[in-house]
Amino acid sequence: MLKKYIYIALSAGILLSAASCKKILDQPVLGDYPQDKYFTSVANANAAVNAAYVPLTFVSGTGNPIWVLGDVSSDDAVKGGLPGDQADYDQIDVFNILNNNSAVEGVWARYYDGVLKANFVLNGLANANTAIPEASRTLITAQAKFLRAYYYFILTNCYGNIPLRLNVATADNTQSPIVPQTQIFAQIEKDCTEASAALPSTWSGADLGRVTKGAALALLAKSYLFEQKYAQAAATAQQVEALGIYSLTPKFTDNFSATTKNNTEAIFSILHTAGLNPKQGNGLNQSFAPRGALNGYGFFLPTQSLVDNFEKTASGVVDPRLDYTVGRAGQSFFGTPFDPSWTSTGYVTKKQIQPLTEIPAATRGDGNLNVEAIRFADVLLIEAEALNESGNSTAALIPLNKVRKRARESYLYDNTLTGAGTVPAGLLPDVTTTSQTQLRDIIRRERRSELALEFQRYFDIIRYGSTYASNALRDKPNFNYNNNRFFPIPASERSTNKGL
């Protein structure tokens, strides 16, 4: 979790060092990089690993367009905004995707930049480096391994078979062939396993916010799930739970509120802090907010299909996560009456949005909400799915029903809900079926509601297979599972990397 304690230090001094590090990393390849000239102190090593966190951030809505590849491509959202504004994002939505598409190029460049920065740390802190004490080298190396694993997890889910770069670019290794996705996942497993063995369960003091053992294990569990290694996925998710650190927050919205963002559910958070120079606030706050008085760009509009996914009782009471996730007619939008002119779908997103009382219109693009990359609810649903797929459907009910219980019990903790204090009859009852097929569909639906608009729906759709994907995206012009399972390797990479 990249939290404010790191950022405060970065803004004052370490960020200057990290910026200097970035200048080193961004230089054209002239020969071997001088690791012995840079990694000569713990301060420099920490500055380098701090720089490796930076590509995670969303200081600009267009600077990190994983939301486009992860959700606009899916059945959960469309781009929205004015016609022609970020037109390449519209092309993702209709699967008219060229290899010079700006979102395709942007995610590739940003996450490989993260790989580069992590490799800079790992190469510089190799065992031959005796200038850094072993204890510091171990902790800094473990963070870099986790970060490299996370960047590769995003990259391989976006692009499939890709180059595997484990060293800083030199004149001899810039031409990198693609390798099978299985090899990318094997490296992710290795990095996560080694990182989890070396990282602490928690940090304290000025180090609060760095990645932890729980984050490494959670990413490992998620990787196993995507590889269909279900027994390993379930066991690793259970290791996260066994740490005894994480629990579901009483209210679902605690994960998307600036006042409660550093909570027991946050396993791997990407922190944003408003009001710093250089800017480190959440730019999605402006990209996703409605246009007009709220000074947003109106991007990222939820679909009717997503809204219909949320369960209702027989009397019409809807899963409370719907109105925590989606703005719609008849409901207040952070204290502002909902205006139908804001949206072409009938809905606007609420995740990553802050009310004007927290971030005024003039500084709308400098929010202080974290982006929750991995929450404990995700880990519970990983465990449920993995147990069901490995033939233990009865055990899968336990983590699944924990997620549903938290959702329905919002009525016990949120006084703004009509009828608060009592859970409405029939709302999100515990699931009891042990039919693997039925439970599979229930878990997939639950995952979609719980993690809606958190930039990962498309990757779930694809890993569920051709039949599911073709049905989910049946209204998407041009979608073909075999052709569109992965996004194209960008034109810029093809023009410079002759090893492809």
Protein backbone atom coordinates (compact mmCIF):
# COMPACT_ATOMS: atom_id res chain seq x y z
CA MET A 1 0.00 0.00 0.00
CA LEU A 2 1.48 3.27 -1.10
CA LYS A 3 0.30 5.64 1.57
CA LYS A 4 0.82 9.22 2.62
CA TYR A 5 3.78 8.59 4.88
CA ILE A 6 5.89 7.68 1.88
CA TYR A 7 4.49 10.55 -0.13
CA ILE A 8 5.22 13.13 2.53
CA ALA A 9 8.84 12.08 2.51
CA LEU A 10 8.92 11.95 -1.26
CA SER A 11 7.51 15.42 -1.64
CA ALA A 12 10.21 16.88 0.55
CA GLY A 13 13.32 15.12 -0.59
CA ILE A 14 13.14 11.49 -1.60
CA LEU A 15 11.00 12.35 -4.60
CA LEU A 16 13.79 14.57 -5.82
CA SER A 17 16.10 11.60 -5.54
CA ALA A 18 13.50 9.44 -7.23
CA ALA A 19 13.21 12.01 -9.99
CA SER A 20 16.96 11.88 -10.40
CA CYS A 21 16.68 8.12 -10.53
CA LYS A 22 14.02 8.47 -13.22
CA LYS A 23 16.42 10.60 -15.25
CA ILE A 24 18.96 7.80 -15.01
CA LEU A 25 16.37 5.26 -16.09
CA ASP A 26 15.12 7.38 -18.97
CA GLN A 27 18.53 7.93 -20.56
CA PRO A 28 19.15 6.28 -23.94
CA VAL A 29 21.05 3.02 -23.74
CA LEU A 30 24.75 3.77 -24.10
CA GLY A 31 26.16 0.73 -22.32
CA ASP A 32 25.94 -0.92 -18.95
CA TYR A 33 24.29 1.23 -16.29
CA PRO A 34 26.55 2.28 -13.40
CA GLN A 35 24.91 0.45 -10.50
CA ASP A 36 28.04 0.78 -8.41
CA LYS A 37 27.78 4.56 -8.77
CA TYR A 38 24.16 4.81 -7.62
CA PHE A 39 23.47 2.04 -5.08
CA THR A 40 25.97 3.26 -2.52
CA SER A 41 23.61 4.10 0.35
CA VAL A 42 20.33 2.99 1.88
CA ALA A 43 18.88 6.41 1.06
CA ASN A 44 19.61 5.96 -2.64
CA ALA A 45 18.25 2.41 -2.61
CA ASN A 46 15.04 3.57 -0.94
CA ALA A 47 14.71 6.40 -3.44
CA ALA A 48 15.02 3.91 -6.29
CA VAL A 49 12.34 1.59 -4.93
CA ASN A 50 10.09 4.57 -4.18
CA ALA A 51 10.39 5.51 -7.84
CA ALA A 52 9.27 1.99 -8.75
CA TYR A 53 5.94 2.63 -7.00
CA VAL A 54 5.18 5.74 -9.05
CA PRO A 55 3.81 4.05 -12.23
CA LEU A 56 1.01 2.60 -10.10
CA THR A 57 -0.57 6.01 -9.56
CA PHE A 58 -3.50 7.77 -11.25
CA VAL A 59 -2.48 11.40 -11.01
CA SER A 60 -3.99 11.77 -14.47
CA GLY A 61 -7.04 9.97 -15.82
CA THR A 62 -5.28 9.44 -19.13
CA GLY A 63 -1.80 8.80 -17.76
CA ASN A 64 -2.74 5.35 -16.48
CA PRO A 65 -5.57 4.09 -18.73
CA ILE A 66 -5.90 0.63 -17.19
CA TRP A 67 -9.53 1.59 -16.45
CA VAL A 68 -10.10 1.64 -20.20
CA LEU A 69 -8.62 -1.79 -20.89
CA GLY A 70 -10.02 -3.28 -17.68
CA ASP A 71 -13.59 -1.95 -17.75
CA VAL A 72 -14.50 0.15 -20.80
CA SER A 73 -13.75 -2.93 -22.88
CA SER A 74 -16.18 -4.92 -20.72
CA ASP A 75 -19.94 -5.02 -20.24
CA ASP A 76 -19.68 -2.80 -17.14
CA ALA A 77 -18.86 0.62 -18.62
CA VAL A 78 -18.55 2.82 -21.69
CA LYS A 79 -16.15 5.70 -22.16
CA GLY A 80 -18.65 8.57 -21.99
CA GLY A 81 -17.52 12.19 -22.19
CA LEU A 82 -17.83 14.43 -25.22
CA PRO A 83 -17.76 12.87 -28.70
CA GLY A 84 -14.19 12.89 -29.99
CA ASP A 85 -12.66 13.45 -26.57
CA GLN A 86 -10.18 10.57 -26.15
CA ALA A 87 -11.66 8.94 -29.24
CA ASP A 88 -9.26 6.01 -28.99
CA TYR A 89 -11.05 4.96 -25.81
CA ASP A 90 -14.29 4.70 -27.78
CA GLN A 91 -12.50 2.37 -30.18
CA ILE A 92 -11.69 0.06 -27.27
CA ASP A 93 -15.38 0.01 -26.39
CA VAL A 94 -16.38 -1.21 -29.88
CA PHE A 95 -13.30 -3.41 -30.44
CA ASN A 96 -12.00 -1.45 -33.37
CA ILE A 97 -8.54 -1.57 -31.84
CA LEU A 98 -5.40 -0.69 -33.76
CA ASN A 99 -1.95 -1.26 -32.34
CA ASN A 100 -1.35 2.49 -32.10
CA ASN A 101 -4.42 3.01 -29.91
CA SER A 102 -3.46 5.44 -27.13
CA ALA A 103 -4.86 3.27 -24.33
CA VAL A 104 -3.06 0.20 -25.66
CA GLU A 105 0.15 2.21 -25.94
CA GLY A 106 -0.36 3.91 -22.58
CA VAL A 107 -0.80 0.82 -20.43
CA TRP A 108 2.11 -0.95 -22.11
CA ALA A 109 4.46 2.01 -21.64
CA ARG A 110 3.46 2.73 -18.07
CA TYR A 111 3.61 -0.80 -16.71
CA TYR A 112 6.83 -1.69 -18.51
CA ASP A 113 8.24 1.52 -17.05
CA GLY A 114 7.34 0.00 -13.69
CA VAL A 115 9.15 -3.20 -14.66
CA LEU A 116 12.18 -1.14 -15.66
CA LYS A 117 12.26 0.72 -12.38
CA ALA A 118 11.88 -2.50 -10.38
CA ASN A 119 14.67 -4.12 -12.39
CA PHE A 120 16.88 -1.12 -11.73
CA VAL A 121 16.52 -1.82 -8.01
CA LEU A 122 16.97 -5.58 -8.32
CA ASN A 123 20.04 -5.32 -10.51
CA GLY A 124 21.56 -2.63 -8.33
CA LEU A 125 21.02 -4.59 -5.14
CA ALA A 126 22.34 -7.90 -6.39
CA ASN A 127 24.33 -9.90 -3.84
CA ALA A 128 27.57 -8.44 -5.17
CA ASN A 129 26.56 -5.08 -3.72
CA THR A 130 28.05 -4.89 -0.25
CA ALA A 131 27.50 -1.15 0.19
CA ILE A 132 23.93 -1.71 1.45
CA PRO A 133 23.41 -3.65 4.71
CA GLU A 134 21.85 -7.05 4.13
CA ALA A 135 18.70 -6.31 6.13
CA SER A 136 17.95 -3.19 4.10
CA ARG A 137 18.83 -4.92 0.85
CA THR A 138 16.44 -7.75 1.66
CA LEU A 139 13.47 -5.48 2.37
CA ILE A 140 14.04 -3.19 -0.60
CA THR A 141 14.58 -6.14 -2.94
CA ALA A 142 11.36 -7.79 -1.75
CA GLN A 143 9.37 -4.64 -2.52
CA ALA A 144 10.85 -4.46 -6.02
CA LYS A 145 10.02 -8.12 -6.66
CA PHE A 146 6.41 -7.57 -5.66
CA LEU A 147 6.14 -4.48 -7.85
CA ARG A 148 7.65 -6.28 -10.84
CA ALA A 149 5.21 -9.15 -10.30
CA TYR A 150 2.24 -6.76 -10.15
CA TYR A 151 3.27 -4.92 -13.30
CA TYR A 152 3.70 -8.20 -15.15
CA PHE A 153 0.34 -9.44 -13.87
CA ILE A 154 -1.33 -6.43 -15.49
CA LEU A 155 0.75 -6.67 -18.65
CA THR A 156 0.19 -10.36 -19.34
CA ASN A 157 -3.54 -10.08 -18.68
CA CYS A 158 -3.71 -7.20 -21.12
CA TYR A 159 -1.37 -8.48 -23.85
CA GLY A 160 -0.88 -12.22 -23.33
CA ASN A 161 2.51 -13.45 -24.56
CA ILE A 162 4.95 -10.59 -23.99
CA PRO A 163 8.67 -9.92 -23.51
CA LEU A 164 10.01 -10.96 -20.12
CA ARG A 165 12.61 -8.42 -19.05
CA LEU A 166 14.47 -9.17 -15.86
CA ASN A 167 17.35 -6.74 -16.29
CA VAL A 168 17.76 -3.05 -16.95
CA ALA A 169 18.02 -2.33 -20.67
CA THR A 170 21.51 -2.32 -22.12
CA ALA A 171 22.73 -2.24 -25.69
CA ASP A 172 22.77 -6.03 -25.67
CA ASN A 173 19.28 -6.84 -24.41
CA THR A 174 16.79 -4.33 -25.83
CA GLN A 175 15.62 -6.72 -28.55
CA SER A 176 13.39 -8.99 -26.49
CA PRO A 177 11.29 -11.80 -27.96
CA ILE A 178 7.88 -12.58 -26.58
CA VAL A 179 7.61 -15.58 -24.30
CA PRO A 180 4.54 -17.72 -23.51
CA GLN A 181 2.17 -16.39 -20.87
CA THR A 182 2.95 -19.45 -18.75
CA GLN A 183 6.52 -18.19 -18.45
CA ILE A 184 5.33 -14.74 -17.38
CA PHE A 185 3.13 -16.28 -14.70
CA ALA A 186 6.00 -18.49 -13.54
CA GLN A 187 8.07 -15.36 -12.94
CA ILE A 188 5.15 -13.69 -11.13
CA GLU A 189 4.87 -16.75 -8.88
CA LYS A 190 8.60 -16.69 -8.19
CA ASP A 191 8.69 -12.98 -7.40
CA CYS A 192 5.60 -13.14 -5.18
CA THR A 193 6.84 -16.20 -3.31
CA GLU A 194 10.23 -14.64 -2.63
CA ALA A 195 8.69 -11.29 -1.74
CA SER A 196 6.19 -12.82 0.69
CA ALA A 197 9.00 -14.64 2.50
CA ALA A 198 10.94 -11.43 3.06
CA LEU A 199 8.29 -8.74 3.54
CA PRO A 200 6.92 -7.89 6.97
CA SER A 201 3.23 -8.34 7.74
CA THR A 202 3.03 -4.66 8.65
CA TRP A 203 5.22 -1.57 8.53
CA SER A 204 5.50 1.22 11.06
CA GLY A 205 6.58 4.83 11.28
CA ALA A 206 7.78 6.46 8.10
CA ASP A 207 7.57 3.12 6.26
CA LEU A 208 3.84 2.73 6.70
CA GLY A 209 2.31 2.10 3.30
CA ARG A 210 4.92 -0.09 1.66
CA VAL A 211 3.84 -3.45 0.25
CA THR A 212 3.51 -6.27 2.75
CA LYS A 213 3.56 -10.03 3.05
CA GLY A 214 -0.23 -10.00 2.73
CA ALA A 215 -0.05 -8.09 -0.55
CA ALA A 216 2.45 -10.56 -2.00
CA LEU A 217 0.38 -13.56 -0.93
CA ALA A 218 -2.82 -11.97 -2.26
CA LEU A 219 -1.26 -11.32 -5.65
CA LEU A 220 0.10 -14.86 -5.69
CA ALA A 221 -3.37 -16.26 -4.92
CA LYS A 222 -4.85 -14.15 -7.71
CA SER A 223 -2.19 -15.31 -10.15
CA TYR A 224 -2.87 -18.95 -9.29
CA LEU A 225 -6.59 -18.33 -9.89
CA PHE A 226 -5.94 -16.84 -13.31
CA GLU A 227 -3.75 -19.82 -14.14
CA GLN A 228 -6.51 -22.19 -13.02
CA LYS A 229 -4.26 -23.62 -10.32
CA TYR A 230 -7.22 -23.79 -8.02
CA ALA A 231 -5.81 -25.78 -5.10
CA GLN A 232 -2.85 -23.40 -4.82
CA ALA A 233 -5.13 -20.36 -5.19
CA ALA A 234 -7.39 -21.49 -2.36
CA ALA A 235 -4.51 -22.40 -0.06
CA THR A 236 -2.72 -19.09 -0.68
CA ALA A 237 -5.88 -17.04 -0.15
CA GLN A 238 -6.30 -18.87 3.15
CA GLN A 239 -2.73 -17.88 4.08
CA VAL A 240 -3.73 -14.24 3.65
CA GLU A 241 -6.72 -14.76 5.92
CA ALA A 242 -4.59 -16.64 8.47
CA LEU A 243 -2.35 -13.60 8.94
CA GLY A 244 -5.15 -12.24 11.12
CA ILE A 245 -4.60 -8.70 9.85
CA TYR A 246 -7.39 -8.23 7.35
CA SER A 247 -11.16 -8.13 7.72
CA LEU A 248 -14.11 -6.74 5.81
CA THR A 249 -15.02 -3.22 6.85
CA PRO A 250 -18.49 -2.79 8.38
CA LYS A 251 -19.58 -0.62 5.46
CA PHE A 252 -18.74 -1.35 1.84
CA THR A 253 -18.21 2.37 1.27
CA ASP A 254 -15.37 2.53 3.79
CA ASN A 255 -13.15 1.40 0.92
CA PHE A 256 -14.11 4.38 -1.23
CA SER A 257 -14.16 7.23 1.28
CA ALA A 258 -11.21 9.52 1.99
CA THR A 259 -11.92 9.42 5.72
CA THR A 260 -11.81 5.62 6.00
CA LYS A 261 -9.49 4.59 3.18
CA ASN A 262 -6.66 3.15 5.29
CA ASN A 263 -8.66 0.31 6.76
CA THR A 264 -8.60 -3.39 7.59
CA GLU A 265 -9.77 -4.42 4.12
CA ALA A 266 -7.01 -2.66 2.20
CA ILE A 267 -4.35 -5.19 1.24
CA PHE A 268 -2.68 -3.37 -1.64
CA SER A 269 -3.67 0.26 -2.05
CA ILE A 270 -2.39 2.89 -4.45
CA LEU A 271 -2.48 6.06 -2.41
CA HIS A 272 -3.18 9.56 -3.60
CA THR A 273 -2.76 12.66 -1.47
CA ALA A 274 -4.19 16.01 -2.51
CA GLY A 275 -2.40 19.32 -2.28
CA LEU A 276 1.18 18.19 -2.81
CA ASN A 277 3.79 19.53 -5.21
CA PRO A 278 4.60 17.69 -7.42
CA LYS A 279 0.98 16.60 -7.73
CA GLN A 280 0.16 13.24 -6.20
CA GLY A 281 -3.63 13.45 -6.06
CA ASN A 282 -6.13 11.16 -7.74
CA GLY A 283 -6.90 12.50 -11.22
CA LEU A 284 -9.70 9.99 -11.74
CA ASN A 285 -11.78 12.21 -9.47
CA GLN A 286 -12.05 14.69 -12.33
CA SER A 287 -12.03 12.24 -15.23
CA PHE A 288 -15.00 10.32 -13.83
CA ALA A 289 -17.03 13.17 -12.27
CA PRO A 290 -19.99 14.52 -14.26
CA ARG A 291 -19.54 17.58 -16.42
CA GLY A 292 -20.96 20.99 -15.60
CA ALA A 293 -21.10 22.20 -12.02
CA LEU A 294 -19.05 19.23 -10.80
CA ASN A 295 -16.20 20.15 -13.20
CA GLY A 296 -15.64 16.63 -14.43
CA TYR A 297 -15.03 15.10 -17.83
CA GLY A 298 -17.90 12.64 -17.61
CA PHE A 299 -15.88 9.55 -18.51
CA PHE A 300 -16.51 5.98 -17.35
CA LEU A 301 -20.28 5.53 -17.46
CA PRO A 302 -21.80 2.34 -16.01
CA THR A 303 -24.06 0.25 -18.21
CA GLN A 304 -27.56 -1.09 -17.75
CA SER A 305 -26.05 -4.56 -17.85
CA LEU A 306 -24.00 -3.80 -14.74
CA VAL A 307 -26.98 -2.29 -12.92
CA ASP A 308 -29.06 -5.38 -13.72
CA ASN A 309 -26.38 -7.61 -12.17
CA PHE A 310 -27.16 -6.36 -8.65
CA GLU A 311 -29.69 -8.53 -6.83
CA LYS A 312 -33.11 -7.40 -5.61
CA THR A 313 -35.51 -8.81 -3.05
CA ALA A 314 -39.00 -9.93 -4.03
CA SER A 315 -40.29 -6.56 -2.79
CA GLY A 316 -37.77 -4.63 -4.91
CA VAL A 317 -35.10 -3.71 -2.34
CA VAL A 318 -31.81 -3.60 -4.22
CA ASP A 319 -28.35 -4.73 -3.12
CA PRO A 320 -27.01 -1.57 -1.36
CA ARG A 321 -23.75 -1.91 -3.27
CA LEU A 322 -25.58 -0.64 -6.36
CA ASP A 323 -26.08 2.86 -5.00
CA TYR A 324 -22.65 2.86 -3.40
CA THR A 325 -21.19 2.11 -6.84
CA VAL A 326 -23.49 3.84 -9.33
CA GLY A 327 -25.21 7.22 -9.46
CA ARG A 328 -28.73 7.02 -10.90
CA ALA A 329 -32.01 8.92 -11.15
CA GLY A 330 -33.95 9.23 -7.93
CA GLN A 331 -30.83 8.97 -5.77
CA SER A 332 -28.63 11.71 -4.36
CA PHE A 333 -25.22 12.01 -5.96
CA PHE A 334 -22.99 13.01 -3.03
CA GLY A 335 -25.58 15.53 -1.89
CA THR A 336 -26.26 16.84 -5.41
CA PRO A 337 -29.51 16.00 -7.24
CA PHE A 338 -28.86 13.52 -10.03
CA ASP A 339 -29.02 15.19 -13.46
CA PRO A 340 -29.88 12.85 -16.38
CA SER A 341 -27.93 15.10 -18.76
CA TRP A 342 -24.72 13.88 -17.12
CA THR A 343 -24.87 10.52 -18.83
CA SER A 344 -25.76 8.72 -22.02
CA THR A 345 -26.36 5.41 -20.24
CA GLY A 346 -28.55 6.64 -17.40
CA TYR A 347 -25.78 6.15 -14.85
CA VAL A 348 -22.52 7.61 -13.59
CA THR A 349 -19.80 5.96 -11.50
CA LYS A 350 -19.38 6.80 -7.83
CA LYS A 351 -16.15 4.95 -7.10
CA GLN A 352 -13.13 7.31 -7.28
CA ILE A 353 -15.46 10.32 -6.94
CA GLN A 354 -15.36 12.72 -3.98
CA PRO A 355 -18.01 15.29 -3.03
CA LEU A 356 -17.37 18.98 -3.54
CA THR A 357 -17.21 19.38 0.24
CA GLU A 358 -13.94 17.40 0.14
CA ILE A 359 -12.46 18.39 -3.22
CA PRO A 360 -13.92 21.62 -4.64
CA ALA A 361 -14.56 22.04 -8.35
CA ALA A 362 -11.46 24.20 -8.82
CA THR A 363 -9.16 21.37 -7.74
CA ARG A 364 -11.33 18.46 -8.87
CA GLY A 365 -8.37 16.69 -10.51
CA ASP A 366 -6.40 16.50 -7.26
CA GLY A 367 -8.35 14.01 -5.18
CA ASN A 368 -7.13 12.08 -2.17
CA LEU A 369 -8.89 8.74 -2.61
CA ASN A 370 -6.80 5.60 -2.79
CA VAL A 371 -7.28 3.13 -5.61
CA GLU A 372 -7.76 -0.26 -3.98
CA ALA A 373 -5.79 -2.64 -6.18
CA ILE A 374 -6.46 -5.70 -3.98
CA ARG A 375 -9.05 -5.76 -1.19
CA PHE A 376 -9.75 -8.51 1.30
CA ALA A 377 -13.16 -9.03 -0.32
CA ASP A 378 -11.31 -9.94 -3.52
CA VAL A 379 -9.24 -12.50 -1.63
CA LEU A 380 -12.37 -14.07 -0.12
CA LEU A 381 -13.93 -14.37 -3.57
CA ILE A 382 -10.70 -15.84 -4.94
CA GLU A 383 -10.88 -18.43 -2.16
CA ALA A 384 -14.56 -19.17 -2.87
CA GLU A 385 -14.03 -19.60 -6.60
CA ALA A 386 -10.91 -21.70 -6.19
CA LEU A 387 -12.55 -24.00 -3.66
CA ASN A 388 -15.59 -24.47 -5.87
CA GLU A 389 -13.51 -25.15 -8.97
CA SER A 390 -11.35 -27.64 -7.10
CA GLY A 391 -14.41 -29.62 -6.04
CA ASN A 392 -15.00 -28.31 -2.52
CA SER A 393 -18.23 -26.41 -3.04
CA THR A 394 -19.35 -26.73 0.57
CA ALA A 395 -16.21 -24.96 1.84
CA ALA A 396 -16.61 -22.30 -0.88
CA LEU A 397 -19.83 -21.11 0.74
CA ILE A 398 -18.00 -19.78 3.81
CA PRO A 399 -15.91 -17.01 2.16
CA LEU A 400 -18.67 -16.26 -0.35
CA ASN A 401 -21.25 -15.70 2.36
CA LYS A 402 -18.88 -13.47 4.33
CA VAL A 403 -18.91 -11.05 1.38
CA ARG A 404 -22.70 -11.21 1.05
CA LYS A 405 -23.20 -10.74 4.80
CA ARG A 406 -21.13 -7.55 4.80
CA ALA A 407 -23.10 -6.21 1.85
CA ARG A 408 -26.56 -6.78 3.36
CA GLU A 409 -25.49 -5.60 6.81
CA SER A 410 -24.81 -2.15 5.43
CA TYR A 411 -28.32 -1.58 6.77
CA LEU A 412 -27.00 -2.04 10.29
CA TYR A 413 -24.19 0.49 9.94
CA ASP A 414 -25.31 3.09 7.39
CA ASN A 415 -27.96 5.42 8.77
CA THR A 416 -28.49 7.03 5.37
CA LEU A 417 -30.20 3.90 4.04
CA THR A 418 -33.99 3.92 4.12
CA GLY A 419 -35.03 1.55 6.87
CA ALA A 420 -31.56 1.50 8.44
CA GLY A 421 -31.24 -0.62 11.53
CA THR A 422 -32.85 -3.72 10.08
CA VAL A 423 -31.73 -5.85 7.16
CA PRO A 424 -34.64 -6.04 4.65
CA ALA A 425 -36.22 -9.47 4.41
CA GLY A 426 -34.72 -11.61 1.67
CA LEU A 427 -31.81 -9.26 0.93
CA LEU A 428 -28.67 -11.11 -0.19
CA PRO A 429 -29.40 -14.29 1.77
CA ASP A 430 -26.64 -16.78 2.43
CA VAL A 431 -26.06 -19.10 -0.51
CA THR A 432 -26.68 -22.75 0.31
CA THR A 433 -26.41 -24.65 -2.95
CA THR A 434 -23.46 -26.99 -3.32
CA SER A 435 -23.97 -27.59 -7.02
CA GLN A 436 -20.64 -26.67 -8.56
CA THR A 437 -22.27 -25.34 -11.73
CA GLN A 438 -24.84 -23.22 -9.92
CA LEU A 439 -22.27 -21.96 -7.44
CA ARG A 440 -19.89 -21.02 -10.24
CA ASP A 441 -22.52 -18.70 -11.72
CA ILE A 442 -23.33 -17.24 -8.30
CA ILE A 443 -19.67 -16.52 -7.49
CA ARG A 444 -19.14 -14.86 -10.87
CA ARG A 445 -22.17 -12.65 -10.32
CA GLU A 446 -21.05 -11.83 -6.79
CA ARG A 447 -17.59 -10.91 -7.99
CA ARG A 448 -19.05 -8.58 -10.61
CA SER A 449 -21.19 -6.73 -8.06
CA GLU A 450 -18.54 -6.54 -5.35
CA LEU A 451 -15.67 -5.41 -7.58
CA ALA A 452 -17.64 -3.38 -10.12
CA LEU A 453 -15.75 -0.51 -11.76
CA GLU A 454 -12.45 -1.45 -10.13
CA PHE A 455 -10.74 -2.01 -13.50
CA GLN A 456 -10.74 -5.80 -13.68
CA ARG A 457 -14.02 -6.99 -15.16
CA TYR A 458 -12.64 -7.60 -18.68
CA PHE A 459 -9.88 -9.85 -17.37
CA ASP A 460 -12.46 -11.92 -15.50
CA ILE A 461 -14.64 -12.15 -18.60
CA ILE A 462 -11.75 -13.44 -20.68
CA ARG A 463 -10.52 -15.98 -18.14
CA TYR A 464 -14.04 -17.42 -17.83
CA GLY A 465 -13.69 -18.62 -21.40
CA SER A 466 -15.11 -18.15 -24.89
CA THR A 467 -18.74 -19.05 -24.16
CA TYR A 468 -19.05 -16.70 -21.21
CA ALA A 469 -17.15 -13.89 -22.94
CA SER A 470 -19.12 -14.13 -26.18
CA ASN A 471 -22.38 -13.90 -24.24
CA ALA A 472 -21.24 -11.10 -21.92
CA LEU A 473 -19.95 -9.02 -24.84
CA ARG A 474 -22.62 -9.96 -27.36
CA ASP A 475 -23.61 -6.31 -27.77
CA LYS A 476 -20.04 -5.19 -28.46
CA PRO A 477 -19.51 -4.60 -32.17
CA ASN A 478 -16.56 -6.55 -33.60
CA PHE A 479 -15.78 -8.60 -30.49
CA ASN A 480 -14.33 -12.00 -31.29
CA TYR A 481 -12.90 -14.08 -28.46
CA ASN A 482 -10.01 -15.52 -30.43
CA ASN A 483 -9.08 -12.16 -31.96
CA ASN A 484 -9.70 -9.96 -28.92
CA ARG A 485 -8.70 -12.14 -25.99
CA PHE A 486 -5.66 -9.90 -25.66
CA PHE A 487 -4.94 -6.37 -26.80
CA PRO A 488 -2.35 -5.92 -29.56
CA ILE A 489 1.29 -5.31 -28.75
CA PRO A 490 1.69 -1.58 -29.43
CA ALA A 491 3.09 -0.23 -32.66
CA SER A 492 5.80 1.66 -30.76
CA GLU A 493 7.14 -1.60 -29.33
CA ARG A 494 7.03 -3.31 -32.70
CA SER A 495 8.95 -0.47 -34.31
CA THR A 496 11.79 -0.56 -31.77
CA ASN A 497 11.92 -4.20 -30.64
CA LYS A 498 13.02 -6.30 -33.59
CA GLY A 499 13.13 -9.36 -31.38
CA LEU A 500 9.35 -9.72 -31.37
